[in-house]
C-alpha atoms as a PDB file:
ATOM      1  CA  MET A   1     -18.001 -32.156-197.343  1.00  0.00           C
ATOM      2  CA  LYS A   2     -17.283 -33.163-193.757  1.00  0.00           C
ATOM      3  CA  PRO A   3     -15.631 -36.115-192.034  1.00  0.00           C
ATOM      4  CA  THR A   4     -17.978 -38.697-190.580  1.00  0.00           C
ATOM      5  CA  LYS A   5     -15.276 -40.876-189.013  1.00  0.00           C
ATOM      6  CA  ILE A   6     -11.621 -40.269-188.121  1.00  0.00           C
ATOM      7  CA  LYS A   7      -9.519 -43.189-186.994  1.00  0.00           C
ATOM      8  CA  GLN A   8      -5.830 -43.948-186.659  1.00  0.00           C
ATOM      9  CA  VAL A   9      -5.695 -47.297-188.475  1.00  0.00           C
ATOM     10  CA  LEU A  10      -1.986 -47.972-188.118  1.00  0.00           C
ATOM     11  CA  PRO A  11       0.627 -46.276-185.955  1.00  0.00           C
ATOM     12  CA  ALA A  12       1.569 -44.166-188.970  1.00  0.00           C
ATOM     13  CA  GLU A  13      -1.749 -43.698-190.836  1.00  0.00           C
ATOM     14  CA  LEU A  14      -4.963 -41.771-190.335  1.00  0.00           C
ATOM     15  CA  LEU A  15      -8.201 -42.804-192.053  1.00  0.00           C
ATOM     16  CA  ILE A  16     -10.855 -40.159-192.666  1.00  0.00           C
ATOM     17  CA  GLU A  17     -14.274 -41.199-193.934  1.00  0.00           C
ATOM     18  CA  TRP A  18     -16.219 -38.358-195.553  1.00  0.00           C
ATOM     19  CA  ASP A  19     -19.930 -37.702-195.900  1.00  0.00           C
ATOM     20  CA  ASP A  20     -19.651 -38.159-199.696  1.00  0.00           C
ATOM     21  CA  GLY A  21     -18.419 -41.754-199.221  1.00  0.00           C
ATOM     22  CA  HIS A  22     -14.725 -41.048-199.827  1.00  0.00           C
ATOM     23  CA  LYS A  23     -12.298 -42.922-197.575  1.00  0.00           C
ATOM     24  CA  GLY A  24      -9.186 -40.797-197.295  1.00  0.00           C
ATOM     25  CA  LEU A  25      -5.848 -42.056-196.095  1.00  0.00           C
ATOM     26  CA  HIS A  26      -3.115 -39.865-194.638  1.00  0.00           C
ATOM     27  CA  VAL A  27       0.390 -40.886-193.632  1.00  0.00           C
ATOM     28  CA  LEU A  28       1.293 -39.039-190.427  1.00  0.00           C
ATOM     29  CA  THR A  29       4.733 -37.998-191.670  1.00  0.00           C
ATOM     30  CA  THR A  30       3.076 -36.342-194.683  1.00  0.00           C
ATOM     31  CA  LEU A  31       0.527 -34.550-192.510  1.00  0.00           C
ATOM     32  CA  ARG A  32       3.318 -33.204-190.323  1.00  0.00           C
ATOM     33  CA  LYS A  33       5.488 -32.258-193.313  1.00  0.00           C
ATOM     34  CA  TYR A  34       2.634 -30.285-194.847  1.00  0.00           C
ATOM     35  CA  CYS A  35       1.435 -28.687-191.625  1.00  0.00           C
ATOM     36  CA  PRO A  36      -0.371 -25.513-192.695  1.00  0.00           C
ATOM     37  CA  CYS A  37       0.640 -23.349-189.718  1.00  0.00           C
ATOM     38  CA  ALA A  38       2.613 -20.173-190.414  1.00  0.00           C
ATOM     39  CA  ALA A  39       5.799 -21.402-188.712  1.00  0.00           C
ATOM     40  CA  CYS A  40       5.910 -24.676-190.673  1.00  0.00           C
ATOM     41  CA  LYS A  41       5.113 -22.933-193.963  1.00  0.00           C
ATOM     42  CA  ALA A  42       7.898 -20.408-193.379  1.00  0.00           C
ATOM     43  CA  GLU A  43      10.341 -23.199-192.540  1.00  0.00           C
ATOM     44  CA  MET A  44       9.404 -25.133-195.683  1.00  0.00           C
ATOM     45  CA  GLU A  45       9.755 -22.031-197.874  1.00  0.00           C
ATOM     46  CA  SER A  46      13.138 -21.156-196.378  1.00  0.00           C
ATOM     47  CA  GLN A  47      14.463 -24.616-197.228  1.00  0.00           C
ATOM     48  CA  GLU A  48      13.136 -24.689-200.792  1.00  0.00           C
ATOM     49  CA  GLY A  49      15.784 -26.202-203.021  1.00  0.00           C
ATOM     50  CA  ILE A  50      18.147 -26.892-200.125  1.00  0.00           C
ATOM     51  CA  ILE A  51      18.797 -30.503-199.246  1.00  0.00           C
ATOM     52  CA  SER A  52      19.427 -30.898-195.557  1.00  0.00           C
ATOM     53  CA  LEU A  53      19.255 -33.661-193.029  1.00  0.00           C
ATOM     54  CA  PRO A  54      15.979 -33.678-191.124  1.00  0.00           C
ATOM     55  CA  ILE A  55      16.030 -32.788-187.456  1.00  0.00           C
ATOM     56  CA  LEU A  56      13.904 -35.372-185.707  1.00  0.00           C
ATOM     57  CA  LYS A  57      12.242 -34.444-182.445  1.00  0.00           C
ATOM     58  CA  PRO A  58      10.833 -37.093-180.111  1.00  0.00           C
ATOM     59  CA  GLY A  59       7.101 -37.418-180.769  1.00  0.00           C
ATOM     60  CA  GLN A  60       7.235 -35.365-183.973  1.00  0.00           C
ATOM     61  CA  TYR A  61       5.213 -37.932-185.929  1.00  0.00           C
ATOM     62  CA  GLU A  62       3.143 -39.260-183.047  1.00  0.00           C
ATOM     63  CA  LEU A  63      -0.449 -38.089-183.262  1.00  0.00           C
ATOM     64  CA  LYS A  64      -1.837 -37.413-179.778  1.00  0.00           C
ATOM     65  CA  SER A  65      -5.292 -36.148-180.736  1.00  0.00           C
ATOM     66  CA  VAL A  66      -7.482 -34.768-183.491  1.00  0.00           C
ATOM     67  CA  ASP A  67      -9.792 -31.952-182.469  1.00  0.00           C
ATOM     68  CA  PRO A  68     -12.566 -30.443-184.614  1.00  0.00           C
ATOM     69  CA  ILE A  69     -12.367 -26.715-185.289  1.00  0.00           C
ATOM     70  CA  GLY A  70     -15.847 -25.435-185.981  1.00  0.00           C
ATOM     71  CA  SER A  71     -17.391 -27.141-188.993  1.00  0.00           C
ATOM     72  CA  TYR A  72     -14.490 -26.566-191.376  1.00  0.00           C
ATOM     73  CA  ALA A  73     -11.220 -28.011-190.037  1.00  0.00           C
ATOM     74  CA  LEU A  74      -9.263 -30.311-187.745  1.00  0.00           C
ATOM     75  CA  GLN A  75      -6.465 -29.399-185.370  1.00  0.00           C
ATOM     76  CA  LEU A  76      -3.819 -32.088-184.997  1.00  0.00           C
ATOM     77  CA  ILE A  77      -1.928 -32.339-181.722  1.00  0.00           C
ATOM     78  CA  TRP A  78       1.502 -33.959-182.100  1.00  0.00           C
ATOM     79  CA  GLY A  79       3.613 -35.815-179.546  1.00  0.00           C
ATOM     80  CA  ASP A  80       6.252 -33.080-179.497  1.00  0.00           C
ATOM     81  CA  GLY A  81       3.652 -30.498-178.445  1.00  0.00           C
ATOM     82  CA  HIS A  82       3.123 -28.908-181.875  1.00  0.00           C
ATOM     83  CA  ASN A  83      -0.543 -27.906-182.161  1.00  0.00           C
ATOM     84  CA  THR A  84      -0.852 -24.779-184.308  1.00  0.00           C
ATOM     85  CA  GLY A  85      -1.753 -26.420-187.632  1.00  0.00           C
ATOM     86  CA  ILE A  86      -5.385 -26.036-188.645  1.00  0.00           C
ATOM     87  CA  TYR A  87      -6.097 -28.526-191.448  1.00  0.00           C
ATOM     88  CA  THR A  88      -9.213 -27.417-193.336  1.00  0.00           C
ATOM     89  CA  PHE A  89     -11.392 -30.136-194.794  1.00  0.00           C
ATOM     90  CA  ASP A  90     -10.585 -28.899-198.315  1.00  0.00           C
ATOM     91  CA  TYR A  91      -6.846 -29.054-197.575  1.00  0.00           C
ATOM     92  CA  LEU A  92      -7.119 -32.591-196.190  1.00  0.00           C
ATOM     93  CA  ARG A  93      -8.868 -33.697-199.371  1.00  0.00           C
ATOM     94  CA  GLN A  94      -6.154 -32.033-201.487  1.00  0.00           C
ATOM     95  CA  ILE A  95      -3.344 -33.912-199.736  1.00  0.00           C
ATOM     96  CA  CYS A  96      -5.191 -37.241-199.488  1.00  0.00           C
ATOM     97  CA  GLU A  97      -2.922 -40.228-200.110  1.00  0.00           C
ATOM     98  CA  CYS A  98      -5.511 -42.934-200.793  1.00  0.00           C
ATOM     99  CA  ASP A  99      -5.057 -45.014-203.941  1.00  0.00           C
ATOM    100  CA  ALA A 100      -7.843 -43.207-205.833  1.00  0.00           C
ATOM    101  CA  CYS A 101      -6.465 -39.730-205.070  1.00  0.00           C
ATOM    102  CA  ARG A 102      -2.893 -40.723-205.906  1.00  0.00           C
ATOM    103  CA  GLN A 103      -4.060 -42.171-209.205  1.00  0.00           C
ATOM    104  CA  MET A 104      -5.941 -38.946-210.036  1.00  0.00           C
ATOM    105  CA  ALA A 105      -2.830 -36.891-209.204  1.00  0.00           C
ATOM    106  CA  GLU A 106      -0.711 -38.975-211.567  1.00  0.00           C
ATOM    107  CA  GLU A 107      -3.078 -38.473-214.517  1.00  0.00           C
END
């Protein structure tokens, strides 16, 4: 399973069309929140169960570019310079926010 088309459809959404016909939708704030890099994972784990106000950085949710990594992942480059998250194709499908995937998650 590989993307055939990647397009930012709205300022806050990314559409990924896959070779199996699936049209995935990702909200940029969700992609950033679930960044799979080690630093972001550690930060998320350290805040587990703690409610705190978010610290917003300029450009944090602005997607500058999407770069392929081999034949297995995408690297997202954010407006604040963050670029260490490697989003595997499997991971992107797991966190897909399209209507069909959300409905499957609720069942």
